[in-house]
Amino acid sequence: MFIVFDLDGTLIDGYAGIAHALEFAMERLGLAPLPLQQVRGMVGGGLEKLLEEAVGRKLAPRGVVLFRERYGEIADAETILLPGVPEVLSRLKKAGHSMAVASNKPELFSRQILAGKGVASHFLAIAGPDARTPPKPDPAMIFELRARAGASPQETVVVGDMEIDAETALAAGCRCVLVAGGSRSAEELAAVPADAHLSRLVELPDSIARWSRTLRTAGPTIGP
């Protein structure tokens, strides 16, 4: 299987660092900072969208510059891996699965954090939005990663923690696994259509193993 992970709320808890950098930007724009819990719910749509929501469309471009200035300095120190992440990645890699990251966080920051936490080597590729690749839920990142891995839609699983991940998987024609505890609770995710809802990431390898057995039994498939 080819497994494409979201980052914030799925593999890492980086909300403190995001809130810190957002506070830095907002204070320099003459605005009061937002509470951490509110920021948690705003994360996921990409940096530009976060700043638009926090400071308004007019101030957002300057806010993005200020955010990037501060976030690069504190991202490593104020980000932690979520429980079980190293073990889950090791189990999946040992089982022969390919993995990648598709995040709406700028790719540079994703690479910086994953390298700093010692898990970047598990991933075939780490993707983020740029001038030619729109953010999720547009499926462009998934298409590019899937092509690089040589994986079919049937072999691809998107793993995330919020509605946007399910929307991305649906648009890409892939399976979706939603894991509670990041930006959304289990109760909030229960109503979101997905192939599996997990309470903890450590449950993921067993789900992947079951789907892998099903694919092997079904034989090769032809898809777009």
Foldseek 3Di string as FASTA:
>chain_A
DEEEEEPFQFFKPQLVLQQVLLCQLQVVVVHHGDDSLVLLLLPAQAQLSSQCVVPNNVCSVSSSVSSVVRSVVCRQVRMDTDPPNVVLLVVCVVVPYAYEYEYQYQQVSVCVNCVSRPNPVSHPYYDHDDPVRHHFPDLRVVVVVCVVVVHDQLLYEYEEADQRSLSNNVNRSHAYEHEADGSHHLVVCVPRDGPYYHPDPVCPVVVSVVSVVVDVVVDDDDDD
